[in-house]
All heavy atoms as atom14 arrays in JSON, in Angstrom:
{
  "sequence": "DSVLAGVAALGLLFSERKVKVTELHLMESARFILESYDGSTAPSVDLV",
  "atom14_mask": [
    [1, 1, 1, 1, 1, 1, 1, 1, 0, 0, 0, 0, 0, 0],
    [1, 1, 1, 1, 1, 1, 0, 0, 0, 0, 0, 0, 0, 0],
    [1, 1, 1, 1, 1, 1, 1, 0, 0, 0, 0, 0, 0, 0],
    [1, 1, 1, 1, 1, 1, 1, 1, 0, 0, 0, 0, 0, 0],
    [1, 1, 1, 1, 1, 0, 0, 0, 0, 0, 0, 0, 0, 0],
    [1, 1, 1, 1, 0, 0, 0, 0, 0, 0, 0, 0, 0, 0],
    [1, 1, 1, 1, 1, 1, 1, 0, 0, 0, 0, 0, 0, 0],
    [1, 1, 1, 1, 1, 0, 0, 0, 0, 0, 0, 0, 0, 0],
    [1, 1, 1, 1, 1, 0, 0, 0, 0, 0, 0, 0, 0, 0],
    [1, 1, 1, 1, 1, 1, 1, 1, 0, 0, 0, 0, 0, 0],
    [1, 1, 1, 1, 0, 0, 0, 0, 0, 0, 0, 0, 0, 0],
    [1, 1, 1, 1, 1, 1, 1, 1, 0, 0, 0, 0, 0, 0],
    [1, 1, 1, 1, 1, 1, 1, 1, 0, 0, 0, 0, 0, 0],
    [1, 1, 1, 1, 1, 1, 1, 1, 1, 1, 1, 0, 0, 0],
    [1, 1, 1, 1, 1, 1, 0, 0, 0, 0, 0, 0, 0, 0],
    [1, 1, 1, 1, 1, 1, 1, 1, 1, 0, 0, 0, 0, 0],
    [1, 1, 1, 1, 1, 1, 1, 1, 1, 1, 1, 0, 0, 0],
    [1, 1, 1, 1, 1, 1, 1, 1, 1, 0, 0, 0, 0, 0],
    [1, 1, 1, 1, 1, 1, 1, 0, 0, 0, 0, 0, 0, 0],
    [1, 1, 1, 1, 1, 1, 1, 1, 1, 0, 0, 0, 0, 0],
    [1, 1, 1, 1, 1, 1, 1, 0, 0, 0, 0, 0, 0, 0],
    [1, 1, 1, 1, 1, 1, 1, 0, 0, 0, 0, 0, 0, 0],
    [1, 1, 1, 1, 1, 1, 1, 1, 1, 0, 0, 0, 0, 0],
    [1, 1, 1, 1, 1, 1, 1, 1, 0, 0, 0, 0, 0, 0],
    [1, 1, 1, 1, 1, 1, 1, 1, 1, 1, 0, 0, 0, 0],
    [1, 1, 1, 1, 1, 1, 1, 1, 0, 0, 0, 0, 0, 0],
    [1, 1, 1, 1, 1, 1, 1, 1, 0, 0, 0, 0, 0, 0],
    [1, 1, 1, 1, 1, 1, 1, 1, 1, 0, 0, 0, 0, 0],
    [1, 1, 1, 1, 1, 1, 0, 0, 0, 0, 0, 0, 0, 0],
    [1, 1, 1, 1, 1, 0, 0, 0, 0, 0, 0, 0, 0, 0],
    [1, 1, 1, 1, 1, 1, 1, 1, 1, 1, 1, 0, 0, 0],
    [1, 1, 1, 1, 1, 1, 1, 1, 1, 1, 1, 0, 0, 0],
    [1, 1, 1, 1, 1, 1, 1, 1, 0, 0, 0, 0, 0, 0],
    [1, 1, 1, 1, 1, 1, 1, 1, 0, 0, 0, 0, 0, 0],
    [1, 1, 1, 1, 1, 1, 1, 1, 1, 0, 0, 0, 0, 0],
    [1, 1, 1, 1, 1, 1, 0, 0, 0, 0, 0, 0, 0, 0],
    [1, 1, 1, 1, 1, 1, 1, 1, 1, 1, 1, 1, 0, 0],
    [1, 1, 1, 1, 1, 1, 1, 1, 0, 0, 0, 0, 0, 0],
    [1, 1, 1, 1, 0, 0, 0, 0, 0, 0, 0, 0, 0, 0],
    [1, 1, 1, 1, 1, 1, 0, 0, 0, 0, 0, 0, 0, 0],
    [1, 1, 1, 1, 1, 1, 1, 0, 0, 0, 0, 0, 0, 0],
    [1, 1, 1, 1, 1, 0, 0, 0, 0, 0, 0, 0, 0, 0],
    [1, 1, 1, 1, 1, 1, 1, 0, 0, 0, 0, 0, 0, 0],
    [1, 1, 1, 1, 1, 1, 0, 0, 0, 0, 0, 0, 0, 0],
    [1, 1, 1, 1, 1, 1, 1, 0, 0, 0, 0, 0, 0, 0],
    [1, 1, 1, 1, 1, 1, 1, 1, 0, 0, 0, 0, 0, 0],
    [1, 1, 1, 1, 1, 1, 1, 1, 0, 0, 0, 0, 0, 0],
    [1, 1, 1, 1, 1, 1, 1, 0, 0, 0, 0, 0, 0, 0]
  ],
  "atom14_positions": [
    [[-68.94, -7.42, 10.76], [-67.77, -7.48, 11.64], [-68.04, -8.39, 12.84], [-67.1, -9.0, 13.38], [-67.41, -6.08, 12.13], [-66.52, -5.35, 11.12], [-66.39, -5.84, 9.98], [-65.97, -4.29, 11.48], [0.0, 0.0, 0.0], [0.0, 0.0, 0.0], [0.0, 0.0, 0.0], [0.0, 0.0, 0.0], [0.0, 0.0, 0.0], [0.0, 0.0, 0.0]],
    [[-69.29, -8.49, 13.26], [-69.61, -9.39, 14.38], [-69.42, -10.84, 13.96], [-69.03, -11.68, 14.79], [-71.05, -9.16, 14.85], [-72.0, -9.52, 13.84], [0.0, 0.0, 0.0], [0.0, 0.0, 0.0], [0.0, 0.0, 0.0], [0.0, 0.0, 0.0], [0.0, 0.0, 0.0], [0.0, 0.0, 0.0], [0.0, 0.0, 0.0], [0.0, 0.0, 0.0]],
    [[-69.66, -11.14, 12.69], [-69.42, -12.5, 12.18], [-67.93, -12.77, 12.13], [-67.45, -13.84, 12.56], [-70.07, -12.68, 10.8], [-69.79, -14.07, 10.25], [-71.57, -12.42, 10.86], [0.0, 0.0, 0.0], [0.0, 0.0, 0.0], [0.0, 0.0, 0.0], [0.0, 0.0, 0.0], [0.0, 0.0, 0.0], [0.0, 0.0, 0.0], [0.0, 0.0, 0.0]],
    [[-67.16, -11.81, 11.61], [-65.7, -11.97, 11.54], [-65.11, -12.16, 12.94], [-64.27, -13.04, 13.16], [-65.09, -10.76, 10.86], [-65.48, -10.51, 9.39], [-64.99, -9.15, 8.93], [-64.93, -11.61, 8.5], [0.0, 0.0, 0.0], [0.0, 0.0, 0.0], [0.0, 0.0, 0.0], [0.0, 0.0, 0.0], [0.0, 0.0, 0.0], [0.0, 0.0, 0.0]],
    [[-65.56, -11.35, 13.9], [-65.03, -11.43, 15.27], [-65.44, -12.75, 15.94], [-64.63, -13.35, 16.66], [-65.54, -10.25, 16.09], [0.0, 0.0, 0.0], [0.0, 0.0, 0.0], [0.0, 0.0, 0.0], [0.0, 0.0, 0.0], [0.0, 0.0, 0.0], [0.0, 0.0, 0.0], [0.0, 0.0, 0.0], [0.0, 0.0, 0.0], [0.0, 0.0, 0.0]],
    [[-66.67, -13.19, 15.69], [-67.12, -14.44, 16.29], [-66.34, -15.64, 15.76], [-65.97, -16.53, 16.52], [0.0, 0.0, 0.0], [0.0, 0.0, 0.0], [0.0, 0.0, 0.0], [0.0, 0.0, 0.0], [0.0, 0.0, 0.0], [0.0, 0.0, 0.0], [0.0, 0.0, 0.0], [0.0, 0.0, 0.0], [0.0, 0.0, 0.0], [0.0, 0.0, 0.0]],
    [[-66.09, -15.67, 14.47], [-65.32, -16.76, 13.87], [-63.89, -16.76, 14.43], [-63.33, -17.81, 14.78], [-65.31, -16.64, 12.34], [-64.25, -17.53, 11.72], [-66.68, -16.98, 11.77], [0.0, 0.0, 0.0], [0.0, 0.0, 0.0], [0.0, 0.0, 0.0], [0.0, 0.0, 0.0], [0.0, 0.0, 0.0], [0.0, 0.0, 0.0], [0.0, 0.0, 0.0]],
    [[-63.28, -15.58, 14.53], [-61.91, -15.49, 15.04], [-61.83, -15.92, 16.5], [-60.89, -16.62, 16.91], [-61.39, -14.07, 14.88], [0.0, 0.0, 0.0], [0.0, 0.0, 0.0], [0.0, 0.0, 0.0], [0.0, 0.0, 0.0], [0.0, 0.0, 0.0], [0.0, 0.0, 0.0], [0.0, 0.0, 0.0], [0.0, 0.0, 0.0], [0.0, 0.0, 0.0]],
    [[-62.82, -15.52, 17.33], [-62.83, -15.89, 18.74], [-62.95, -17.4, 18.91], [-62.27, -18.0, 19.74], [-63.96, -15.17, 19.46], [0.0, 0.0, 0.0], [0.0, 0.0, 0.0], [0.0, 0.0, 0.0], [0.0, 0.0, 0.0], [0.0, 0.0, 0.0], [0.0, 0.0, 0.0], [0.0, 0.0, 0.0], [0.0, 0.0, 0.0], [0.0, 0.0, 0.0]],
    [[-63.81, -18.02, 18.12], [-63.95, -19.47, 18.19], [-62.7, -20.16, 17.66], [-62.32, -21.24, 18.14], [-65.19, -19.92, 17.41], [-66.52, -19.63, 18.09], [-67.69, -19.84, 17.13], [-66.7, -20.51, 19.32], [0.0, 0.0, 0.0], [0.0, 0.0, 0.0], [0.0, 0.0, 0.0], [0.0, 0.0, 0.0], [0.0, 0.0, 0.0], [0.0, 0.0, 0.0]],
    [[-62.04, -19.55, 16.68], [-60.77, -20.09, 16.21], [-59.72, -20.11, 17.31], [-58.96, -21.07, 17.45], [0.0, 0.0, 0.0], [0.0, 0.0, 0.0], [0.0, 0.0, 0.0], [0.0, 0.0, 0.0], [0.0, 0.0, 0.0], [0.0, 0.0, 0.0], [0.0, 0.0, 0.0], [0.0, 0.0, 0.0], [0.0, 0.0, 0.0], [0.0, 0.0, 0.0]],
    [[-59.69, -19.06, 18.13], [-58.77, -19.03, 19.27], [-59.18, -20.04, 20.33], [-58.33, -20.71, 20.93], [-58.73, -17.62, 19.87], [-57.9, -16.59, 19.1], [-58.16, -15.18, 19.61], [-56.41, -16.92, 19.21], [0.0, 0.0, 0.0], [0.0, 0.0, 0.0], [0.0, 0.0, 0.0], [0.0, 0.0, 0.0], [0.0, 0.0, 0.0], [0.0, 0.0, 0.0]],
    [[-60.48, -20.16, 20.59], [-60.96, -21.1, 21.58], [-60.59, -22.53, 21.22], [-60.27, -23.35, 22.09], [-62.48, -20.97, 21.72], [-63.18, -21.91, 22.71], [-62.7, -21.66, 24.13], [-64.7, -21.74, 22.62], [0.0, 0.0, 0.0], [0.0, 0.0, 0.0], [0.0, 0.0, 0.0], [0.0, 0.0, 0.0], [0.0, 0.0, 0.0], [0.0, 0.0, 0.0]],
    [[-60.6, -22.84, 19.93], [-60.31, -24.19, 19.46], [-58.84, -24.39, 19.1], [-58.49, -25.38, 18.46], [-61.19, -24.54, 18.27], [-62.57, -25.01, 18.66], [-63.5, -24.14, 19.18], [-62.91, -26.36, 18.55], [-64.77, -24.58, 19.55], [-64.15, -26.81, 18.92], [-65.1, -25.91, 19.43], [0.0, 0.0, 0.0], [0.0, 0.0, 0.0], [0.0, 0.0, 0.0]],
    [[-57.99, -23.45, 19.48], [-56.55, -23.61, 19.22], [-55.7, -23.29, 20.44], [-54.54, -23.73, 20.51], [-56.11, -22.73, 18.05], [-56.39, -21.36, 18.31], [0.0, 0.0, 0.0], [0.0, 0.0, 0.0], [0.0, 0.0, 0.0], [0.0, 0.0, 0.0], [0.0, 0.0, 0.0], [0.0, 0.0, 0.0], [0.0, 0.0, 0.0], [0.0, 0.0, 0.0]],
    [[-56.24, -22.55, 21.4], [-55.49, -22.16, 22.6], [-56.24, -22.61, 23.84], [-57.38, -22.2, 24.07], [-55.29, -20.64, 22.64], [-54.59, -20.04, 21.43], [-53.1, -20.38, 21.42], [-52.56, -20.79, 22.48], [-52.47, -20.24, 20.36], [0.0, 0.0, 0.0], [0.0, 0.0, 0.0], [0.0, 0.0, 0.0], [0.0, 0.0, 0.0], [0.0, 0.0, 0.0]],
    [[-55.58, -23.47, 24.65], [-56.24, -23.94, 25.88], [-56.32, -22.84, 26.93], [-57.18, -22.86, 27.8], [-55.52, -25.17, 26.42], [-55.74, -26.42, 25.55], [-55.14, -27.67, 26.19], [-55.54, -28.85, 25.44], [-54.93, -29.32, 24.38], [-53.85, -28.68, 23.91], [-55.36, -30.4, 23.76], [0.0, 0.0, 0.0], [0.0, 0.0, 0.0], [0.0, 0.0, 0.0]],
    [[-55.4, -21.89, 26.87], [-55.43, -20.75, 27.79], [-55.8, -19.51, 27.01], [-55.32, -19.27, 25.89], [-54.07, -20.58, 28.47], [-53.73, -21.72, 29.43], [-52.43, -21.44, 30.17], [-52.12, -22.56, 31.16], [-50.86, -22.3, 31.9], [0.0, 0.0, 0.0], [0.0, 0.0, 0.0], [0.0, 0.0, 0.0], [0.0, 0.0, 0.0], [0.0, 0.0, 0.0]],
    [[-56.65, -18.7, 27.6], [-57.2, -17.55, 26.9], [-56.13, -16.48, 26.69], [-55.22, -16.31, 27.51], [-58.4, -16.96, 27.68], [-57.95, -16.36, 29.0], [-59.14, -15.93, 26.84], [0.0, 0.0, 0.0], [0.0, 0.0, 0.0], [0.0, 0.0, 0.0], [0.0, 0.0, 0.0], [0.0, 0.0, 0.0], [0.0, 0.0, 0.0], [0.0, 0.0, 0.0]],
    [[-56.24, -15.79, 25.58], [-55.4, -14.63, 25.29], [-56.29, -13.39, 25.26], [-57.49, -13.46, 25.01], [-54.68, -14.81, 23.95], [-53.64, -15.92, 23.96], [-52.92, -15.98, 22.63], [-51.82, -17.04, 22.65], [-51.08, -17.1, 21.36], [0.0, 0.0, 0.0], [0.0, 0.0, 0.0], [0.0, 0.0, 0.0], [0.0, 0.0, 0.0], [0.0, 0.0, 0.0]],
    [[-55.68, -12.25, 25.5], [-56.45, -11.01, 25.55], [-57.1, -10.72, 24.21], [-58.17, -10.08, 24.13], [-55.56, -9.84, 26.01], [-54.52, -9.51, 24.95], [-56.4, -8.63, 26.38], [0.0, 0.0, 0.0], [0.0, 0.0, 0.0], [0.0, 0.0, 0.0], [0.0, 0.0, 0.0], [0.0, 0.0, 0.0], [0.0, 0.0, 0.0], [0.0, 0.0, 0.0]],
    [[-56.5, -11.2, 23.12], [-57.09, -10.99, 21.79], [-58.48, -11.59, 21.71], [-59.4, -11.0, 21.12], [-56.18, -11.62, 20.72], [-54.89, -11.04, 20.78], [-56.77, -11.42, 19.33], [0.0, 0.0, 0.0], [0.0, 0.0, 0.0], [0.0, 0.0, 0.0], [0.0, 0.0, 0.0], [0.0, 0.0, 0.0], [0.0, 0.0, 0.0], [0.0, 0.0, 0.0]],
    [[-58.64, -12.76, 22.3], [-59.95, -13.43, 22.28], [-61.0, -12.6, 22.99], [-62.15, -12.47, 22.53], [-59.8, -14.8, 22.94], [-61.05, -15.67, 22.91], [-60.81, -17.02, 23.54], [-59.69, -17.57, 23.39], [-61.75, -17.54, 24.19], [0.0, 0.0, 0.0], [0.0, 0.0, 0.0], [0.0, 0.0, 0.0], [0.0, 0.0, 0.0], [0.0, 0.0, 0.0]],
    [[-60.62, -12.01, 24.12], [-61.56, -11.17, 24.87], [-61.91, -9.9, 24.09], [-63.06, -9.45, 24.1], [-60.98, -10.83, 26.24], [-60.62, -12.01, 27.14], [-60.07, -11.52, 28.47], [-61.85, -12.89, 27.38], [0.0, 0.0, 0.0], [0.0, 0.0, 0.0], [0.0, 0.0, 0.0], [0.0, 0.0, 0.0], [0.0, 0.0, 0.0], [0.0, 0.0, 0.0]],
    [[-60.92, -9.32, 23.44], [-61.18, -8.14, 22.61], [-62.16, -8.46, 21.48], [-63.06, -7.66, 21.16], [-59.87, -7.6, 22.03], [-59.02, -6.87, 23.01], [-59.52, -6.0, 23.95], [-57.66, -6.88, 23.2], [-58.54, -5.51, 24.68], [-57.39, -6.03, 24.25], [0.0, 0.0, 0.0], [0.0, 0.0, 0.0], [0.0, 0.0, 0.0], [0.0, 0.0, 0.0]],
    [[-61.98, -9.61, 20.86], [-62.86, -10.01, 19.76], [-64.3, -10.16, 20.23], [-65.23, -9.68, 19.57], [-62.36, -11.31, 19.14], [-61.08, -11.21, 18.3], [-60.51, -12.6, 18.02], [-61.35, -10.47, 16.99], [0.0, 0.0, 0.0], [0.0, 0.0, 0.0], [0.0, 0.0, 0.0], [0.0, 0.0, 0.0], [0.0, 0.0, 0.0], [0.0, 0.0, 0.0]],
    [[-64.51, -10.84, 21.37], [-65.87, -11.04, 21.86], [-66.5, -9.73, 22.32], [-67.71, -9.52, 22.16], [-65.88, -12.05, 22.99], [-65.62, -13.49, 22.54], [-66.66, -14.0, 21.14], [-68.3, -13.81, 21.83], [0.0, 0.0, 0.0], [0.0, 0.0, 0.0], [0.0, 0.0, 0.0], [0.0, 0.0, 0.0], [0.0, 0.0, 0.0], [0.0, 0.0, 0.0]],
    [[-65.71, -8.82, 22.86], [-66.24, -7.53, 23.28], [-66.64, -6.7, 22.06], [-67.68, -6.02, 22.06], [-65.2, -6.78, 24.11], [-65.63, -5.4, 24.55], [-66.85, -5.4, 25.46], [-67.16, -6.46, 26.05], [-67.49, -4.33, 25.58], [0.0, 0.0, 0.0], [0.0, 0.0, 0.0], [0.0, 0.0, 0.0], [0.0, 0.0, 0.0], [0.0, 0.0, 0.0]],
    [[-65.83, -6.76, 21.02], [-66.16, -6.04, 19.78], [-67.45, -6.58, 19.17], [-68.33, -5.81, 18.75], [-65.01, -6.17, 18.79], [-65.34, -5.58, 17.55], [0.0, 0.0, 0.0], [0.0, 0.0, 0.0], [0.0, 0.0, 0.0], [0.0, 0.0, 0.0], [0.0, 0.0, 0.0], [0.0, 0.0, 0.0], [0.0, 0.0, 0.0], [0.0, 0.0, 0.0]],
    [[-67.59, -7.92, 19.14], [-68.81, -8.53, 18.59], [-70.03, -8.16, 19.44], [-71.1, -7.84, 18.89], [-68.65, -10.04, 18.52], [0.0, 0.0, 0.0], [0.0, 0.0, 0.0], [0.0, 0.0, 0.0], [0.0, 0.0, 0.0], [0.0, 0.0, 0.0], [0.0, 0.0, 0.0], [0.0, 0.0, 0.0], [0.0, 0.0, 0.0], [0.0, 0.0, 0.0]],
    [[-69.87, -8.21, 20.75], [-71.0, -7.87, 21.64], [-71.48, -6.44, 21.39], [-72.69, -6.19, 21.31], [-70.57, -8.02, 23.1], [-71.7, -7.78, 24.11], [-71.17, -7.56, 25.51], [-70.36, -6.35, 25.59], [-70.87, -5.12, 25.7], [-72.19, -4.93, 25.72], [-70.08, -4.07, 25.75], [0.0, 0.0, 0.0], [0.0, 0.0, 0.0], [0.0, 0.0, 0.0]],
    [[-70.54, -5.49, 21.26], [-70.91, -4.09, 21.06], [-71.68, -3.92, 19.75], [-72.69, -3.21, 19.69], [-69.65, -3.22, 21.05], [-69.93, -1.77, 20.8], [-70.38, -0.94, 21.82], [-69.75, -1.22, 19.53], [-70.65, 0.4, 21.59], [-70.02, 0.12, 19.29], [-70.47, 0.93, 20.32], [0.0, 0.0, 0.0], [0.0, 0.0, 0.0], [0.0, 0.0, 0.0]],
    [[-71.23, -4.58, 18.7], [-71.9, -4.45, 17.39], [-73.3, -5.05, 17.46], [-74.28, -4.45, 16.98], [-71.07, -5.14, 16.29], [-69.73, -4.42, 16.11], [-71.83, -5.18, 14.97], [-68.76, -5.14, 15.2], [0.0, 0.0, 0.0], [0.0, 0.0, 0.0], [0.0, 0.0, 0.0], [0.0, 0.0, 0.0], [0.0, 0.0, 0.0], [0.0, 0.0, 0.0]],
    [[-73.43, -6.24, 18.05], [-74.72, -6.93, 18.08], [-75.73, -6.17, 18.93], [-76.92, -6.1, 18.58], [-74.53, -8.35, 18.62], [-73.69, -9.28, 17.74], [-73.43, -10.59, 18.46], [-74.39, -9.54, 16.41], [0.0, 0.0, 0.0], [0.0, 0.0, 0.0], [0.0, 0.0, 0.0], [0.0, 0.0, 0.0], [0.0, 0.0, 0.0], [0.0, 0.0, 0.0]],
    [[-75.29, -5.61, 20.03], [-76.22, -4.9, 20.92], [-76.51, -3.49, 20.44], [-77.33, -2.79, 21.03], [-75.66, -4.88, 22.34], [-75.61, -6.27, 22.96], [-75.1, -6.26, 24.39], [-74.7, -5.16, 24.86], [-75.08, -7.33, 25.03], [0.0, 0.0, 0.0], [0.0, 0.0, 0.0], [0.0, 0.0, 0.0], [0.0, 0.0, 0.0], [0.0, 0.0, 0.0]],
    [[-75.84, -3.04, 19.37], [-76.13, -1.72, 18.8], [-77.32, -1.75, 17.86], [-77.75, -0.7, 17.37], [-74.89, -1.21, 18.04], [-73.79, -1.06, 18.92], [0.0, 0.0, 0.0], [0.0, 0.0, 0.0], [0.0, 0.0, 0.0], [0.0, 0.0, 0.0], [0.0, 0.0, 0.0], [0.0, 0.0, 0.0], [0.0, 0.0, 0.0], [0.0, 0.0, 0.0]],
    [[-77.83, -2.91, 17.57], [-79.01, -3.04, 16.69], [-80.19, -2.32, 17.33], [-80.58, -2.62, 18.47], [-79.32, -4.51, 16.46], [-80.66, -4.78, 15.83], [-80.95, -4.34, 14.53], [-81.65, -5.47, 16.53], [-82.19, -4.6, 13.96], [-82.88, -5.72, 15.96], [-83.15, -5.29, 14.68], [-84.37, -5.53, 14.11], [0.0, 0.0, 0.0], [0.0, 0.0, 0.0]],
    [[-80.78, -1.35, 16.61], [-81.82, -0.5, 17.2], [-83.24, -1.03, 16.97], [-84.19, -0.5, 17.53], [-81.71, 0.93, 16.67], [-81.83, 1.01, 15.14], [-82.15, -0.04, 14.51], [-81.62, 2.09, 14.58], [0.0, 0.0, 0.0], [0.0, 0.0, 0.0], [0.0, 0.0, 0.0], [0.0, 0.0, 0.0], [0.0, 0.0, 0.0], [0.0, 0.0, 0.0]],
    [[-83.39, -2.05, 16.13], [-84.72, -2.63, 15.92], [-85.62, -1.84, 15.01], [-86.82, -2.13, 14.93], [0.0, 0.0, 0.0], [0.0, 0.0, 0.0], [0.0, 0.0, 0.0], [0.0, 0.0, 0.0], [0.0, 0.0, 0.0], [0.0, 0.0, 0.0], [0.0, 0.0, 0.0], [0.0, 0.0, 0.0], [0.0, 0.0, 0.0], [0.0, 0.0, 0.0]],
    [[-85.09, -0.86, 14.31], [-85.94, -0.05, 13.42], [-86.31, -0.81, 12.15], [-87.31, -0.51, 11.5], [-85.23, 1.25, 13.06], [-83.98, 0.99, 12.43], [0.0, 0.0, 0.0], [0.0, 0.0, 0.0], [0.0, 0.0, 0.0], [0.0, 0.0, 0.0], [0.0, 0.0, 0.0], [0.0, 0.0, 0.0], [0.0, 0.0, 0.0], [0.0, 0.0, 0.0]],
    [[-85.51, -1.77, 11.78], [-85.79, -2.61, 10.61], [-85.71, -4.07, 11.03], [-85.21, -4.41, 12.11], [-84.76, -2.35, 9.49], [-83.44, -2.61, 9.98], [-84.83, -0.9, 9.02], [0.0, 0.0, 0.0], [0.0, 0.0, 0.0], [0.0, 0.0, 0.0], [0.0, 0.0, 0.0], [0.0, 0.0, 0.0], [0.0, 0.0, 0.0], [0.0, 0.0, 0.0]],
    [[-86.2, -4.94, 10.15], [-86.15, -6.37, 10.44], [-84.71, -6.83, 10.54], [-83.85, -6.35, 9.8], [-86.89, -7.16, 9.36], [0.0, 0.0, 0.0], [0.0, 0.0, 0.0], [0.0, 0.0, 0.0], [0.0, 0.0, 0.0], [0.0, 0.0, 0.0], [0.0, 0.0, 0.0], [0.0, 0.0, 0.0], [0.0, 0.0, 0.0], [0.0, 0.0, 0.0]],
    [[-84.41, -7.75, 11.44], [-83.02, -8.23, 11.58], [-82.53, -8.86, 10.28], [-83.27, -9.56, 9.59], [-83.12, -9.27, 12.7], [-84.39, -8.97, 13.41], [-85.32, -8.4, 12.39], [0.0, 0.0, 0.0], [0.0, 0.0, 0.0], [0.0, 0.0, 0.0], [0.0, 0.0, 0.0], [0.0, 0.0, 0.0], [0.0, 0.0, 0.0], [0.0, 0.0, 0.0]],
    [[-81.27, -8.62, 9.98], [-80.67, -9.2, 8.78], [-80.09, -10.57, 9.1], [-79.89, -10.94, 10.26], [-79.56, -8.28, 8.25], [-78.49, -8.21, 9.19], [0.0, 0.0, 0.0], [0.0, 0.0, 0.0], [0.0, 0.0, 0.0], [0.0, 0.0, 0.0], [0.0, 0.0, 0.0], [0.0, 0.0, 0.0], [0.0, 0.0, 0.0], [0.0, 0.0, 0.0]],
    [[-79.77, -11.33, 8.05], [-79.14, -12.63, 8.22], [-77.77, -12.47, 8.86], [-77.35, -13.3, 9.68], [-79.04, -13.35, 6.87], [-78.27, -14.66, 7.01], [-80.41, -13.62, 6.29], [0.0, 0.0, 0.0], [0.0, 0.0, 0.0], [0.0, 0.0, 0.0], [0.0, 0.0, 0.0], [0.0, 0.0, 0.0], [0.0, 0.0, 0.0], [0.0, 0.0, 0.0]],
    [[-77.05, -11.39, 8.53], [-75.74, -11.15, 9.12], [-75.85, -10.95, 10.63], [-75.02, -11.44, 11.4], [-75.08, -9.93, 8.48], [-74.71, -10.17, 7.01], [-74.71, -11.35, 6.6], [-74.44, -9.19, 6.3], [0.0, 0.0, 0.0], [0.0, 0.0, 0.0], [0.0, 0.0, 0.0], [0.0, 0.0, 0.0], [0.0, 0.0, 0.0], [0.0, 0.0, 0.0]],
    [[-76.87, -10.21, 11.05], [-77.07, -10.0, 12.49], [-77.38, -11.32, 13.19], [-76.83, -11.62, 14.26], [-78.21, -9.0, 12.71], [-78.53, -8.68, 14.19], [-77.41, -7.86, 14.81], [-79.87, -7.95, 14.31], [0.0, 0.0, 0.0], [0.0, 0.0, 0.0], [0.0, 0.0, 0.0], [0.0, 0.0, 0.0], [0.0, 0.0, 0.0], [0.0, 0.0, 0.0]],
    [[-78.25, -12.12, 12.6], [-78.59, -13.42, 13.18], [-77.37, -14.32, 13.24], [-77.13, -15.01, 14.25], [-79.72, -14.09, 12.37], [-79.95, -15.52, 12.85], [-81.02, -13.28, 12.47], [0.0, 0.0, 0.0], [0.0, 0.0, 0.0], [0.0, 0.0, 0.0], [0.0, 0.0, 0.0], [0.0, 0.0, 0.0], [0.0, 0.0, 0.0], [0.0, 0.0, 0.0]]
  ]
}
């Protein structure tokens, strides 16, 4: 989901000169998922 959110946020960045709240929601969702990684296993390619 962090990959999906990151792609969508960059899609908005490259199509809208002024930010929309959707873009901020997407980056916040991606940040929460990425920072939830607990480090108990080796990082996956999806996480990277």
